[in-house]
PDBML (XML) file of the C-alpha atoms, coordinates in Angstrom:
<?xml version="1.0" encoding="UTF-8" ?>
<PDBx:datablock datablockName="MODEL"
   xmlns:PDBx="http://pdbml.pdb.org/schema/pdbx-v50.xsd"
   xmlns:xsi="http://www.w3.org/2001/XMLSchema-instance"
   xsi:schemaLocation="http://pdbml.pdb.org/schema/pdbx-v50.xsd pdbx-v50.xsd">
   <PDBx:atom_siteCategory>
      <PDBx:atom_site id="1">
         <PDBx:B_iso_or_equiv>0.00</PDBx:B_iso_or_equiv>
         <PDBx:Cartn_x>-50.887</PDBx:Cartn_x>
         <PDBx:Cartn_y>81.443</PDBx:Cartn_y>
         <PDBx:Cartn_z>67.952</PDBx:Cartn_z>
         <PDBx:auth_asym_id>A</PDBx:auth_asym_id>
         <PDBx:auth_atom_id>CA</PDBx:auth_atom_id>
         <PDBx:auth_comp_id>UNK</PDBx:auth_comp_id>
         <PDBx:auth_seq_id>1</PDBx:auth_seq_id>
         <PDBx:group_PDB>ATOM</PDBx:group_PDB>
         <PDBx:label_alt_id xsi:nil="true" />
         <PDBx:label_asym_id>A</PDBx:label_asym_id>
         <PDBx:label_atom_id>CA</PDBx:label_atom_id>
         <PDBx:label_comp_id>UNK</PDBx:label_comp_id>
         <PDBx:label_entity_id>1</PDBx:label_entity_id>
         <PDBx:label_seq_id>1</PDBx:label_seq_id>
         <PDBx:occupancy>1.00</PDBx:occupancy>
         <PDBx:pdbx_PDB_model_num>1</PDBx:pdbx_PDB_model_num>
         <PDBx:type_symbol>C</PDBx:type_symbol>
      </PDBx:atom_site>
      <PDBx:atom_site id="2">
         <PDBx:B_iso_or_equiv>0.00</PDBx:B_iso_or_equiv>
         <PDBx:Cartn_x>-51.241</PDBx:Cartn_x>
         <PDBx:Cartn_y>77.682</PDBx:Cartn_y>
         <PDBx:Cartn_z>67.587</PDBx:Cartn_z>
         <PDBx:auth_asym_id>A</PDBx:auth_asym_id>
         <PDBx:auth_atom_id>CA</PDBx:auth_atom_id>
         <PDBx:auth_comp_id>UNK</PDBx:auth_comp_id>
         <PDBx:auth_seq_id>2</PDBx:auth_seq_id>
         <PDBx:group_PDB>ATOM</PDBx:group_PDB>
         <PDBx:label_alt_id xsi:nil="true" />
         <PDBx:label_asym_id>A</PDBx:label_asym_id>
         <PDBx:label_atom_id>CA</PDBx:label_atom_id>
         <PDBx:label_comp_id>UNK</PDBx:label_comp_id>
         <PDBx:label_entity_id>1</PDBx:label_entity_id>
         <PDBx:label_seq_id>2</PDBx:label_seq_id>
         <PDBx:occupancy>1.00</PDBx:occupancy>
         <PDBx:pdbx_PDB_model_num>1</PDBx:pdbx_PDB_model_num>
         <PDBx:type_symbol>C</PDBx:type_symbol>
      </PDBx:atom_site>
      <PDBx:atom_site id="3">
         <PDBx:B_iso_or_equiv>0.00</PDBx:B_iso_or_equiv>
         <PDBx:Cartn_x>-51.319</PDBx:Cartn_x>
         <PDBx:Cartn_y>74.923</PDBx:Cartn_y>
         <PDBx:Cartn_z>64.963</PDBx:Cartn_z>
         <PDBx:auth_asym_id>A</PDBx:auth_asym_id>
         <PDBx:auth_atom_id>CA</PDBx:auth_atom_id>
         <PDBx:auth_comp_id>UNK</PDBx:auth_comp_id>
         <PDBx:auth_seq_id>3</PDBx:auth_seq_id>
         <PDBx:group_PDB>ATOM</PDBx:group_PDB>
         <PDBx:label_alt_id xsi:nil="true" />
         <PDBx:label_asym_id>A</PDBx:label_asym_id>
         <PDBx:label_atom_id>CA</PDBx:label_atom_id>
         <PDBx:label_comp_id>UNK</PDBx:label_comp_id>
         <PDBx:label_entity_id>1</PDBx:label_entity_id>
         <PDBx:label_seq_id>3</PDBx:label_seq_id>
         <PDBx:occupancy>1.00</PDBx:occupancy>
         <PDBx:pdbx_PDB_model_num>1</PDBx:pdbx_PDB_model_num>
         <PDBx:type_symbol>C</PDBx:type_symbol>
      </PDBx:atom_site>
      <PDBx:atom_site id="4">
         <PDBx:B_iso_or_equiv>0.00</PDBx:B_iso_or_equiv>
         <PDBx:Cartn_x>-52.274</PDBx:Cartn_x>
         <PDBx:Cartn_y>71.266</PDBx:Cartn_y>
         <PDBx:Cartn_z>64.641</PDBx:Cartn_z>
         <PDBx:auth_asym_id>A</PDBx:auth_asym_id>
         <PDBx:auth_atom_id>CA</PDBx:auth_atom_id>
         <PDBx:auth_comp_id>UNK</PDBx:auth_comp_id>
         <PDBx:auth_seq_id>4</PDBx:auth_seq_id>
         <PDBx:group_PDB>ATOM</PDBx:group_PDB>
         <PDBx:label_alt_id xsi:nil="true" />
         <PDBx:label_asym_id>A</PDBx:label_asym_id>
         <PDBx:label_atom_id>CA</PDBx:label_atom_id>
         <PDBx:label_comp_id>UNK</PDBx:label_comp_id>
         <PDBx:label_entity_id>1</PDBx:label_entity_id>
         <PDBx:label_seq_id>4</PDBx:label_seq_id>
         <PDBx:occupancy>1.00</PDBx:occupancy>
         <PDBx:pdbx_PDB_model_num>1</PDBx:pdbx_PDB_model_num>
         <PDBx:type_symbol>C</PDBx:type_symbol>
      </PDBx:atom_site>
      <PDBx:atom_site id="5">
         <PDBx:B_iso_or_equiv>0.00</PDBx:B_iso_or_equiv>
         <PDBx:Cartn_x>-51.274</PDBx:Cartn_x>
         <PDBx:Cartn_y>68.519</PDBx:Cartn_y>
         <PDBx:Cartn_z>62.229</PDBx:Cartn_z>
         <PDBx:auth_asym_id>A</PDBx:auth_asym_id>
         <PDBx:auth_atom_id>CA</PDBx:auth_atom_id>
         <PDBx:auth_comp_id>UNK</PDBx:auth_comp_id>
         <PDBx:auth_seq_id>5</PDBx:auth_seq_id>
         <PDBx:group_PDB>ATOM</PDBx:group_PDB>
         <PDBx:label_alt_id xsi:nil="true" />
         <PDBx:label_asym_id>A</PDBx:label_asym_id>
         <PDBx:label_atom_id>CA</PDBx:label_atom_id>
         <PDBx:label_comp_id>UNK</PDBx:label_comp_id>
         <PDBx:label_entity_id>1</PDBx:label_entity_id>
         <PDBx:label_seq_id>5</PDBx:label_seq_id>
         <PDBx:occupancy>1.00</PDBx:occupancy>
         <PDBx:pdbx_PDB_model_num>1</PDBx:pdbx_PDB_model_num>
         <PDBx:type_symbol>C</PDBx:type_symbol>
      </PDBx:atom_site>
      <PDBx:atom_site id="6">
         <PDBx:B_iso_or_equiv>0.00</PDBx:B_iso_or_equiv>
         <PDBx:Cartn_x>-54.545</PDBx:Cartn_x>
         <PDBx:Cartn_y>66.877</PDBx:Cartn_y>
         <PDBx:Cartn_z>61.227</PDBx:Cartn_z>
         <PDBx:auth_asym_id>A</PDBx:auth_asym_id>
         <PDBx:auth_atom_id>CA</PDBx:auth_atom_id>
         <PDBx:auth_comp_id>UNK</PDBx:auth_comp_id>
         <PDBx:auth_seq_id>6</PDBx:auth_seq_id>
         <PDBx:group_PDB>ATOM</PDBx:group_PDB>
         <PDBx:label_alt_id xsi:nil="true" />
         <PDBx:label_asym_id>A</PDBx:label_asym_id>
         <PDBx:label_atom_id>CA</PDBx:label_atom_id>
         <PDBx:label_comp_id>UNK</PDBx:label_comp_id>
         <PDBx:label_entity_id>1</PDBx:label_entity_id>
         <PDBx:label_seq_id>6</PDBx:label_seq_id>
         <PDBx:occupancy>1.00</PDBx:occupancy>
         <PDBx:pdbx_PDB_model_num>1</PDBx:pdbx_PDB_model_num>
         <PDBx:type_symbol>C</PDBx:type_symbol>
      </PDBx:atom_site>
      <PDBx:atom_site id="7">
         <PDBx:B_iso_or_equiv>0.00</PDBx:B_iso_or_equiv>
         <PDBx:Cartn_x>-53.027</PDBx:Cartn_x>
         <PDBx:Cartn_y>63.431</PDBx:Cartn_y>
         <PDBx:Cartn_z>60.903</PDBx:Cartn_z>
         <PDBx:auth_asym_id>A</PDBx:auth_asym_id>
         <PDBx:auth_atom_id>CA</PDBx:auth_atom_id>
         <PDBx:auth_comp_id>UNK</PDBx:auth_comp_id>
         <PDBx:auth_seq_id>7</PDBx:auth_seq_id>
         <PDBx:group_PDB>ATOM</PDBx:group_PDB>
         <PDBx:label_alt_id xsi:nil="true" />
         <PDBx:label_asym_id>A</PDBx:label_asym_id>
         <PDBx:label_atom_id>CA</PDBx:label_atom_id>
         <PDBx:label_comp_id>UNK</PDBx:label_comp_id>
         <PDBx:label_entity_id>1</PDBx:label_entity_id>
         <PDBx:label_seq_id>7</PDBx:label_seq_id>
         <PDBx:occupancy>1.00</PDBx:occupancy>
         <PDBx:pdbx_PDB_model_num>1</PDBx:pdbx_PDB_model_num>
         <PDBx:type_symbol>C</PDBx:type_symbol>
      </PDBx:atom_site>
      <PDBx:atom_site id="8">
         <PDBx:B_iso_or_equiv>0.00</PDBx:B_iso_or_equiv>
         <PDBx:Cartn_x>-51.455</PDBx:Cartn_x>
         <PDBx:Cartn_y>62.487</PDBx:Cartn_y>
         <PDBx:Cartn_z>64.221</PDBx:Cartn_z>
         <PDBx:auth_asym_id>A</PDBx:auth_asym_id>
         <PDBx:auth_atom_id>CA</PDBx:auth_atom_id>
         <PDBx:auth_comp_id>UNK</PDBx:auth_comp_id>
         <PDBx:auth_seq_id>8</PDBx:auth_seq_id>
         <PDBx:group_PDB>ATOM</PDBx:group_PDB>
         <PDBx:label_alt_id xsi:nil="true" />
         <PDBx:label_asym_id>A</PDBx:label_asym_id>
         <PDBx:label_atom_id>CA</PDBx:label_atom_id>
         <PDBx:label_comp_id>UNK</PDBx:label_comp_id>
         <PDBx:label_entity_id>1</PDBx:label_entity_id>
         <PDBx:label_seq_id>8</PDBx:label_seq_id>
         <PDBx:occupancy>1.00</PDBx:occupancy>
         <PDBx:pdbx_PDB_model_num>1</PDBx:pdbx_PDB_model_num>
         <PDBx:type_symbol>C</PDBx:type_symbol>
      </PDBx:atom_site>
      <PDBx:atom_site id="9">
         <PDBx:B_iso_or_equiv>0.00</PDBx:B_iso_or_equiv>
         <PDBx:Cartn_x>-52.540</PDBx:Cartn_x>
         <PDBx:Cartn_y>65.563</PDBx:Cartn_y>
         <PDBx:Cartn_z>66.172</PDBx:Cartn_z>
         <PDBx:auth_asym_id>A</PDBx:auth_asym_id>
         <PDBx:auth_atom_id>CA</PDBx:auth_atom_id>
         <PDBx:auth_comp_id>UNK</PDBx:auth_comp_id>
         <PDBx:auth_seq_id>9</PDBx:auth_seq_id>
         <PDBx:group_PDB>ATOM</PDBx:group_PDB>
         <PDBx:label_alt_id xsi:nil="true" />
         <PDBx:label_asym_id>A</PDBx:label_asym_id>
         <PDBx:label_atom_id>CA</PDBx:label_atom_id>
         <PDBx:label_comp_id>UNK</PDBx:label_comp_id>
         <PDBx:label_entity_id>1</PDBx:label_entity_id>
         <PDBx:label_seq_id>9</PDBx:label_seq_id>
         <PDBx:occupancy>1.00</PDBx:occupancy>
         <PDBx:pdbx_PDB_model_num>1</PDBx:pdbx_PDB_model_num>
         <PDBx:type_symbol>C</PDBx:type_symbol>
      </PDBx:atom_site>
      <PDBx:atom_site id="10">
         <PDBx:B_iso_or_equiv>0.00</PDBx:B_iso_or_equiv>
         <PDBx:Cartn_x>-49.119</PDBx:Cartn_x>
         <PDBx:Cartn_y>67.147</PDBx:Cartn_y>
         <PDBx:Cartn_z>66.727</PDBx:Cartn_z>
         <PDBx:auth_asym_id>A</PDBx:auth_asym_id>
         <PDBx:auth_atom_id>CA</PDBx:auth_atom_id>
         <PDBx:auth_comp_id>UNK</PDBx:auth_comp_id>
         <PDBx:auth_seq_id>10</PDBx:auth_seq_id>
         <PDBx:group_PDB>ATOM</PDBx:group_PDB>
         <PDBx:label_alt_id xsi:nil="true" />
         <PDBx:label_asym_id>A</PDBx:label_asym_id>
         <PDBx:label_atom_id>CA</PDBx:label_atom_id>
         <PDBx:label_comp_id>UNK</PDBx:label_comp_id>
         <PDBx:label_entity_id>1</PDBx:label_entity_id>
         <PDBx:label_seq_id>10</PDBx:label_seq_id>
         <PDBx:occupancy>1.00</PDBx:occupancy>
         <PDBx:pdbx_PDB_model_num>1</PDBx:pdbx_PDB_model_num>
         <PDBx:type_symbol>C</PDBx:type_symbol>
      </PDBx:atom_site>
      <PDBx:atom_site id="11">
         <PDBx:B_iso_or_equiv>0.00</PDBx:B_iso_or_equiv>
         <PDBx:Cartn_x>-49.575</PDBx:Cartn_x>
         <PDBx:Cartn_y>70.621</PDBx:Cartn_y>
         <PDBx:Cartn_z>68.214</PDBx:Cartn_z>
         <PDBx:auth_asym_id>A</PDBx:auth_asym_id>
         <PDBx:auth_atom_id>CA</PDBx:auth_atom_id>
         <PDBx:auth_comp_id>UNK</PDBx:auth_comp_id>
         <PDBx:auth_seq_id>11</PDBx:auth_seq_id>
         <PDBx:group_PDB>ATOM</PDBx:group_PDB>
         <PDBx:label_alt_id xsi:nil="true" />
         <PDBx:label_asym_id>A</PDBx:label_asym_id>
         <PDBx:label_atom_id>CA</PDBx:label_atom_id>
         <PDBx:label_comp_id>UNK</PDBx:label_comp_id>
         <PDBx:label_entity_id>1</PDBx:label_entity_id>
         <PDBx:label_seq_id>11</PDBx:label_seq_id>
         <PDBx:occupancy>1.00</PDBx:occupancy>
         <PDBx:pdbx_PDB_model_num>1</PDBx:pdbx_PDB_model_num>
         <PDBx:type_symbol>C</PDBx:type_symbol>
      </PDBx:atom_site>
      <PDBx:atom_site id="12">
         <PDBx:B_iso_or_equiv>0.00</PDBx:B_iso_or_equiv>
         <PDBx:Cartn_x>-47.538</PDBx:Cartn_x>
         <PDBx:Cartn_y>73.837</PDBx:Cartn_y>
         <PDBx:Cartn_z>68.214</PDBx:Cartn_z>
         <PDBx:auth_asym_id>A</PDBx:auth_asym_id>
         <PDBx:auth_atom_id>CA</PDBx:auth_atom_id>
         <PDBx:auth_comp_id>UNK</PDBx:auth_comp_id>
         <PDBx:auth_seq_id>12</PDBx:auth_seq_id>
         <PDBx:group_PDB>ATOM</PDBx:group_PDB>
         <PDBx:label_alt_id xsi:nil="true" />
         <PDBx:label_asym_id>A</PDBx:label_asym_id>
         <PDBx:label_atom_id>CA</PDBx:label_atom_id>
         <PDBx:label_comp_id>UNK</PDBx:label_comp_id>
         <PDBx:label_entity_id>1</PDBx:label_entity_id>
         <PDBx:label_seq_id>12</PDBx:label_seq_id>
         <PDBx:occupancy>1.00</PDBx:occupancy>
         <PDBx:pdbx_PDB_model_num>1</PDBx:pdbx_PDB_model_num>
         <PDBx:type_symbol>C</PDBx:type_symbol>
      </PDBx:atom_site>
      <PDBx:atom_site id="13">
         <PDBx:B_iso_or_equiv>0.00</PDBx:B_iso_or_equiv>
         <PDBx:Cartn_x>-47.957</PDBx:Cartn_x>
         <PDBx:Cartn_y>76.924</PDBx:Cartn_y>
         <PDBx:Cartn_z>70.421</PDBx:Cartn_z>
         <PDBx:auth_asym_id>A</PDBx:auth_asym_id>
         <PDBx:auth_atom_id>CA</PDBx:auth_atom_id>
         <PDBx:auth_comp_id>UNK</PDBx:auth_comp_id>
         <PDBx:auth_seq_id>13</PDBx:auth_seq_id>
         <PDBx:group_PDB>ATOM</PDBx:group_PDB>
         <PDBx:label_alt_id xsi:nil="true" />
         <PDBx:label_asym_id>A</PDBx:label_asym_id>
         <PDBx:label_atom_id>CA</PDBx:label_atom_id>
         <PDBx:label_comp_id>UNK</PDBx:label_comp_id>
         <PDBx:label_entity_id>1</PDBx:label_entity_id>
         <PDBx:label_seq_id>13</PDBx:label_seq_id>
         <PDBx:occupancy>1.00</PDBx:occupancy>
         <PDBx:pdbx_PDB_model_num>1</PDBx:pdbx_PDB_model_num>
         <PDBx:type_symbol>C</PDBx:type_symbol>
      </PDBx:atom_site>
      <PDBx:atom_site id="14">
         <PDBx:B_iso_or_equiv>0.00</PDBx:B_iso_or_equiv>
         <PDBx:Cartn_x>-46.546</PDBx:Cartn_x>
         <PDBx:Cartn_y>80.409</PDBx:Cartn_y>
         <PDBx:Cartn_z>70.587</PDBx:Cartn_z>
         <PDBx:auth_asym_id>A</PDBx:auth_asym_id>
         <PDBx:auth_atom_id>CA</PDBx:auth_atom_id>
         <PDBx:auth_comp_id>UNK</PDBx:auth_comp_id>
         <PDBx:auth_seq_id>14</PDBx:auth_seq_id>
         <PDBx:group_PDB>ATOM</PDBx:group_PDB>
         <PDBx:label_alt_id xsi:nil="true" />
         <PDBx:label_asym_id>A</PDBx:label_asym_id>
         <PDBx:label_atom_id>CA</PDBx:label_atom_id>
         <PDBx:label_comp_id>UNK</PDBx:label_comp_id>
         <PDBx:label_entity_id>1</PDBx:label_entity_id>
         <PDBx:label_seq_id>14</PDBx:label_seq_id>
         <PDBx:occupancy>1.00</PDBx:occupancy>
         <PDBx:pdbx_PDB_model_num>1</PDBx:pdbx_PDB_model_num>
         <PDBx:type_symbol>C</PDBx:type_symbol>
      </PDBx:atom_site>
      <PDBx:atom_site id="15">
         <PDBx:B_iso_or_equiv>0.00</PDBx:B_iso_or_equiv>
         <PDBx:Cartn_x>-44.695</PDBx:Cartn_x>
         <PDBx:Cartn_y>81.070</PDBx:Cartn_y>
         <PDBx:Cartn_z>73.848</PDBx:Cartn_z>
         <PDBx:auth_asym_id>A</PDBx:auth_asym_id>
         <PDBx:auth_atom_id>CA</PDBx:auth_atom_id>
         <PDBx:auth_comp_id>UNK</PDBx:auth_comp_id>
         <PDBx:auth_seq_id>15</PDBx:auth_seq_id>
         <PDBx:group_PDB>ATOM</PDBx:group_PDB>
         <PDBx:label_alt_id xsi:nil="true" />
         <PDBx:label_asym_id>A</PDBx:label_asym_id>
         <PDBx:label_atom_id>CA</PDBx:label_atom_id>
         <PDBx:label_comp_id>UNK</PDBx:label_comp_id>
         <PDBx:label_entity_id>1</PDBx:label_entity_id>
         <PDBx:label_seq_id>15</PDBx:label_seq_id>
         <PDBx:occupancy>1.00</PDBx:occupancy>
         <PDBx:pdbx_PDB_model_num>1</PDBx:pdbx_PDB_model_num>
         <PDBx:type_symbol>C</PDBx:type_symbol>
      </PDBx:atom_site>
      <PDBx:atom_site id="16">
         <PDBx:B_iso_or_equiv>0.00</PDBx:B_iso_or_equiv>
         <PDBx:Cartn_x>-47.134</PDBx:Cartn_x>
         <PDBx:Cartn_y>83.870</PDBx:Cartn_y>
         <PDBx:Cartn_z>74.685</PDBx:Cartn_z>
         <PDBx:auth_asym_id>A</PDBx:auth_asym_id>
         <PDBx:auth_atom_id>CA</PDBx:auth_atom_id>
         <PDBx:auth_comp_id>UNK</PDBx:auth_comp_id>
         <PDBx:auth_seq_id>16</PDBx:auth_seq_id>
         <PDBx:group_PDB>ATOM</PDBx:group_PDB>
         <PDBx:label_alt_id xsi:nil="true" />
         <PDBx:label_asym_id>A</PDBx:label_asym_id>
         <PDBx:label_atom_id>CA</PDBx:label_atom_id>
         <PDBx:label_comp_id>UNK</PDBx:label_comp_id>
         <PDBx:label_entity_id>1</PDBx:label_entity_id>
         <PDBx:label_seq_id>16</PDBx:label_seq_id>
         <PDBx:occupancy>1.00</PDBx:occupancy>
         <PDBx:pdbx_PDB_model_num>1</PDBx:pdbx_PDB_model_num>
         <PDBx:type_symbol>C</PDBx:type_symbol>
      </PDBx:atom_site>
      <PDBx:atom_site id="17">
         <PDBx:B_iso_or_equiv>0.00</PDBx:B_iso_or_equiv>
         <PDBx:Cartn_x>-50.116</PDBx:Cartn_x>
         <PDBx:Cartn_y>81.500</PDBx:Cartn_y>
         <PDBx:Cartn_z>74.886</PDBx:Cartn_z>
         <PDBx:auth_asym_id>A</PDBx:auth_asym_id>
         <PDBx:auth_atom_id>CA</PDBx:auth_atom_id>
         <PDBx:auth_comp_id>UNK</PDBx:auth_comp_id>
         <PDBx:auth_seq_id>17</PDBx:auth_seq_id>
         <PDBx:group_PDB>ATOM</PDBx:group_PDB>
         <PDBx:label_alt_id xsi:nil="true" />
         <PDBx:label_asym_id>A</PDBx:label_asym_id>
         <PDBx:label_atom_id>CA</PDBx:label_atom_id>
         <PDBx:label_comp_id>UNK</PDBx:label_comp_id>
         <PDBx:label_entity_id>1</PDBx:label_entity_id>
         <PDBx:label_seq_id>17</PDBx:label_seq_id>
         <PDBx:occupancy>1.00</PDBx:occupancy>
         <PDBx:pdbx_PDB_model_num>1</PDBx:pdbx_PDB_model_num>
         <PDBx:type_symbol>C</PDBx:type_symbol>
      </PDBx:atom_site>
      <PDBx:atom_site id="18">
         <PDBx:B_iso_or_equiv>0.00</PDBx:B_iso_or_equiv>
         <PDBx:Cartn_x>-48.530</PDBx:Cartn_x>
         <PDBx:Cartn_y>78.246</PDBx:Cartn_y>
         <PDBx:Cartn_z>76.037</PDBx:Cartn_z>
         <PDBx:auth_asym_id>A</PDBx:auth_asym_id>
         <PDBx:auth_atom_id>CA</PDBx:auth_atom_id>
         <PDBx:auth_comp_id>UNK</PDBx:auth_comp_id>
         <PDBx:auth_seq_id>18</PDBx:auth_seq_id>
         <PDBx:group_PDB>ATOM</PDBx:group_PDB>
         <PDBx:label_alt_id xsi:nil="true" />
         <PDBx:label_asym_id>A</PDBx:label_asym_id>
         <PDBx:label_atom_id>CA</PDBx:label_atom_id>
         <PDBx:label_comp_id>UNK</PDBx:label_comp_id>
         <PDBx:label_entity_id>1</PDBx:label_entity_id>
         <PDBx:label_seq_id>18</PDBx:label_seq_id>
         <PDBx:occupancy>1.00</PDBx:occupancy>
         <PDBx:pdbx_PDB_model_num>1</PDBx:pdbx_PDB_model_num>
         <PDBx:type_symbol>C</PDBx:type_symbol>
      </PDBx:atom_site>
      <PDBx:atom_site id="19">
         <PDBx:B_iso_or_equiv>0.00</PDBx:B_iso_or_equiv>
         <PDBx:Cartn_x>-50.268</PDBx:Cartn_x>
         <PDBx:Cartn_y>76.942</PDBx:Cartn_y>
         <PDBx:Cartn_z>79.142</PDBx:Cartn_z>
         <PDBx:auth_asym_id>A</PDBx:auth_asym_id>
         <PDBx:auth_atom_id>CA</PDBx:auth_atom_id>
         <PDBx:auth_comp_id>UNK</PDBx:auth_comp_id>
         <PDBx:auth_seq_id>19</PDBx:auth_seq_id>
         <PDBx:group_PDB>ATOM</PDBx:group_PDB>
         <PDBx:label_alt_id xsi:nil="true" />
         <PDBx:label_asym_id>A</PDBx:label_asym_id>
         <PDBx:label_atom_id>CA</PDBx:label_atom_id>
         <PDBx:label_comp_id>UNK</PDBx:label_comp_id>
         <PDBx:label_entity_id>1</PDBx:label_entity_id>
         <PDBx:label_seq_id>19</PDBx:label_seq_id>
         <PDBx:occupancy>1.00</PDBx:occupancy>
         <PDBx:pdbx_PDB_model_num>1</PDBx:pdbx_PDB_model_num>
         <PDBx:type_symbol>C</PDBx:type_symbol>
      </PDBx:atom_site>
      <PDBx:atom_site id="20">
         <PDBx:B_iso_or_equiv>0.00</PDBx:B_iso_or_equiv>
         <PDBx:Cartn_x>-53.326</PDBx:Cartn_x>
         <PDBx:Cartn_y>79.131</PDBx:Cartn_y>
         <PDBx:Cartn_z>78.582</PDBx:Cartn_z>
         <PDBx:auth_asym_id>A</PDBx:auth_asym_id>
         <PDBx:auth_atom_id>CA</PDBx:auth_atom_id>
         <PDBx:auth_comp_id>UNK</PDBx:auth_comp_id>
         <PDBx:auth_seq_id>20</PDBx:auth_seq_id>
         <PDBx:group_PDB>ATOM</PDBx:group_PDB>
         <PDBx:label_alt_id xsi:nil="true" />
         <PDBx:label_asym_id>A</PDBx:label_asym_id>
         <PDBx:label_atom_id>CA</PDBx:label_atom_id>
         <PDBx:label_comp_id>UNK</PDBx:label_comp_id>
         <PDBx:label_entity_id>1</PDBx:label_entity_id>
         <PDBx:label_seq_id>20</PDBx:label_seq_id>
         <PDBx:occupancy>1.00</PDBx:occupancy>
         <PDBx:pdbx_PDB_model_num>1</PDBx:pdbx_PDB_model_num>
         <PDBx:type_symbol>C</PDBx:type_symbol>
      </PDBx:atom_site>
      <PDBx:atom_site id="21">
         <PDBx:B_iso_or_equiv>0.00</PDBx:B_iso_or_equiv>
         <PDBx:Cartn_x>-54.602</PDBx:Cartn_x>
         <PDBx:Cartn_y>78.174</PDBx:Cartn_y>
         <PDBx:Cartn_z>75.122</PDBx:Cartn_z>
         <PDBx:auth_asym_id>A</PDBx:auth_asym_id>
         <PDBx:auth_atom_id>CA</PDBx:auth_atom_id>
         <PDBx:auth_comp_id>UNK</PDBx:auth_comp_id>
         <PDBx:auth_seq_id>21</PDBx:auth_seq_id>
         <PDBx:group_PDB>ATOM</PDBx:group_PDB>
         <PDBx:label_alt_id xsi:nil="true" />
         <PDBx:label_asym_id>A</PDBx:label_asym_id>
         <PDBx:label_atom_id>CA</PDBx:label_atom_id>
         <PDBx:label_comp_id>UNK</PDBx:label_comp_id>
         <PDBx:label_entity_id>1</PDBx:label_entity_id>
         <PDBx:label_seq_id>21</PDBx:label_seq_id>
         <PDBx:occupancy>1.00</PDBx:occupancy>
         <PDBx:pdbx_PDB_model_num>1</PDBx:pdbx_PDB_model_num>
         <PDBx:type_symbol>C</PDBx:type_symbol>
      </PDBx:atom_site>
      <PDBx:atom_site id="22">
         <PDBx:B_iso_or_equiv>0.00</PDBx:B_iso_or_equiv>
         <PDBx:Cartn_x>-55.340</PDBx:Cartn_x>
         <PDBx:Cartn_y>74.714</PDBx:Cartn_y>
         <PDBx:Cartn_z>73.779</PDBx:Cartn_z>
         <PDBx:auth_asym_id>A</PDBx:auth_asym_id>
         <PDBx:auth_atom_id>CA</PDBx:auth_atom_id>
         <PDBx:auth_comp_id>UNK</PDBx:auth_comp_id>
         <PDBx:auth_seq_id>22</PDBx:auth_seq_id>
         <PDBx:group_PDB>ATOM</PDBx:group_PDB>
         <PDBx:label_alt_id xsi:nil="true" />
         <PDBx:label_asym_id>A</PDBx:label_asym_id>
         <PDBx:label_atom_id>CA</PDBx:label_atom_id>
         <PDBx:label_comp_id>UNK</PDBx:label_comp_id>
         <PDBx:label_entity_id>1</PDBx:label_entity_id>
         <PDBx:label_seq_id>22</PDBx:label_seq_id>
         <PDBx:occupancy>1.00</PDBx:occupancy>
         <PDBx:pdbx_PDB_model_num>1</PDBx:pdbx_PDB_model_num>
         <PDBx:type_symbol>C</PDBx:type_symbol>
      </PDBx:atom_site>
      <PDBx:atom_site id="23">
         <PDBx:B_iso_or_equiv>0.00</PDBx:B_iso_or_equiv>
         <PDBx:Cartn_x>-55.828</PDBx:Cartn_x>
         <PDBx:Cartn_y>73.762</PDBx:Cartn_y>
         <PDBx:Cartn_z>70.129</PDBx:Cartn_z>
         <PDBx:auth_asym_id>A</PDBx:auth_asym_id>
         <PDBx:auth_atom_id>CA</PDBx:auth_atom_id>
         <PDBx:auth_comp_id>UNK</PDBx:auth_comp_id>
         <PDBx:auth_seq_id>23</PDBx:auth_seq_id>
         <PDBx:group_PDB>ATOM</PDBx:group_PDB>
         <PDBx:label_alt_id xsi:nil="true" />
         <PDBx:label_asym_id>A</PDBx:label_asym_id>
         <PDBx:label_atom_id>CA</PDBx:label_atom_id>
         <PDBx:label_comp_id>UNK</PDBx:label_comp_id>
         <PDBx:label_entity_id>1</PDBx:label_entity_id>
         <PDBx:label_seq_id>23</PDBx:label_seq_id>
         <PDBx:occupancy>1.00</PDBx:occupancy>
         <PDBx:pdbx_PDB_model_num>1</PDBx:pdbx_PDB_model_num>
         <PDBx:type_symbol>C</PDBx:type_symbol>
      </PDBx:atom_site>
      <PDBx:atom_site id="24">
         <PDBx:B_iso_or_equiv>0.00</PDBx:B_iso_or_equiv>
         <PDBx:Cartn_x>-57.805</PDBx:Cartn_x>
         <PDBx:Cartn_y>70.618</PDBx:Cartn_y>
         <PDBx:Cartn_z>69.395</PDBx:Cartn_z>
         <PDBx:auth_asym_id>A</PDBx:auth_asym_id>
         <PDBx:auth_atom_id>CA</PDBx:auth_atom_id>
         <PDBx:auth_comp_id>UNK</PDBx:auth_comp_id>
         <PDBx:auth_seq_id>24</PDBx:auth_seq_id>
         <PDBx:group_PDB>ATOM</PDBx:group_PDB>
         <PDBx:label_alt_id xsi:nil="true" />
         <PDBx:label_asym_id>A</PDBx:label_asym_id>
         <PDBx:label_atom_id>CA</PDBx:label_atom_id>
         <PDBx:label_comp_id>UNK</PDBx:label_comp_id>
         <PDBx:label_entity_id>1</PDBx:label_entity_id>
         <PDBx:label_seq_id>24</PDBx:label_seq_id>
         <PDBx:occupancy>1.00</PDBx:occupancy>
         <PDBx:pdbx_PDB_model_num>1</PDBx:pdbx_PDB_model_num>
         <PDBx:type_symbol>C</PDBx:type_symbol>
      </PDBx:atom_site>
   </PDBx:atom_siteCategory>
</PDBx:datablock>
């Protein structure tokens, strides 16, 4: 679904949720 690098905060999203979901 989504992922986040703890150091730096780089995020990754599946295409199916991009624009609707936010990981933070």
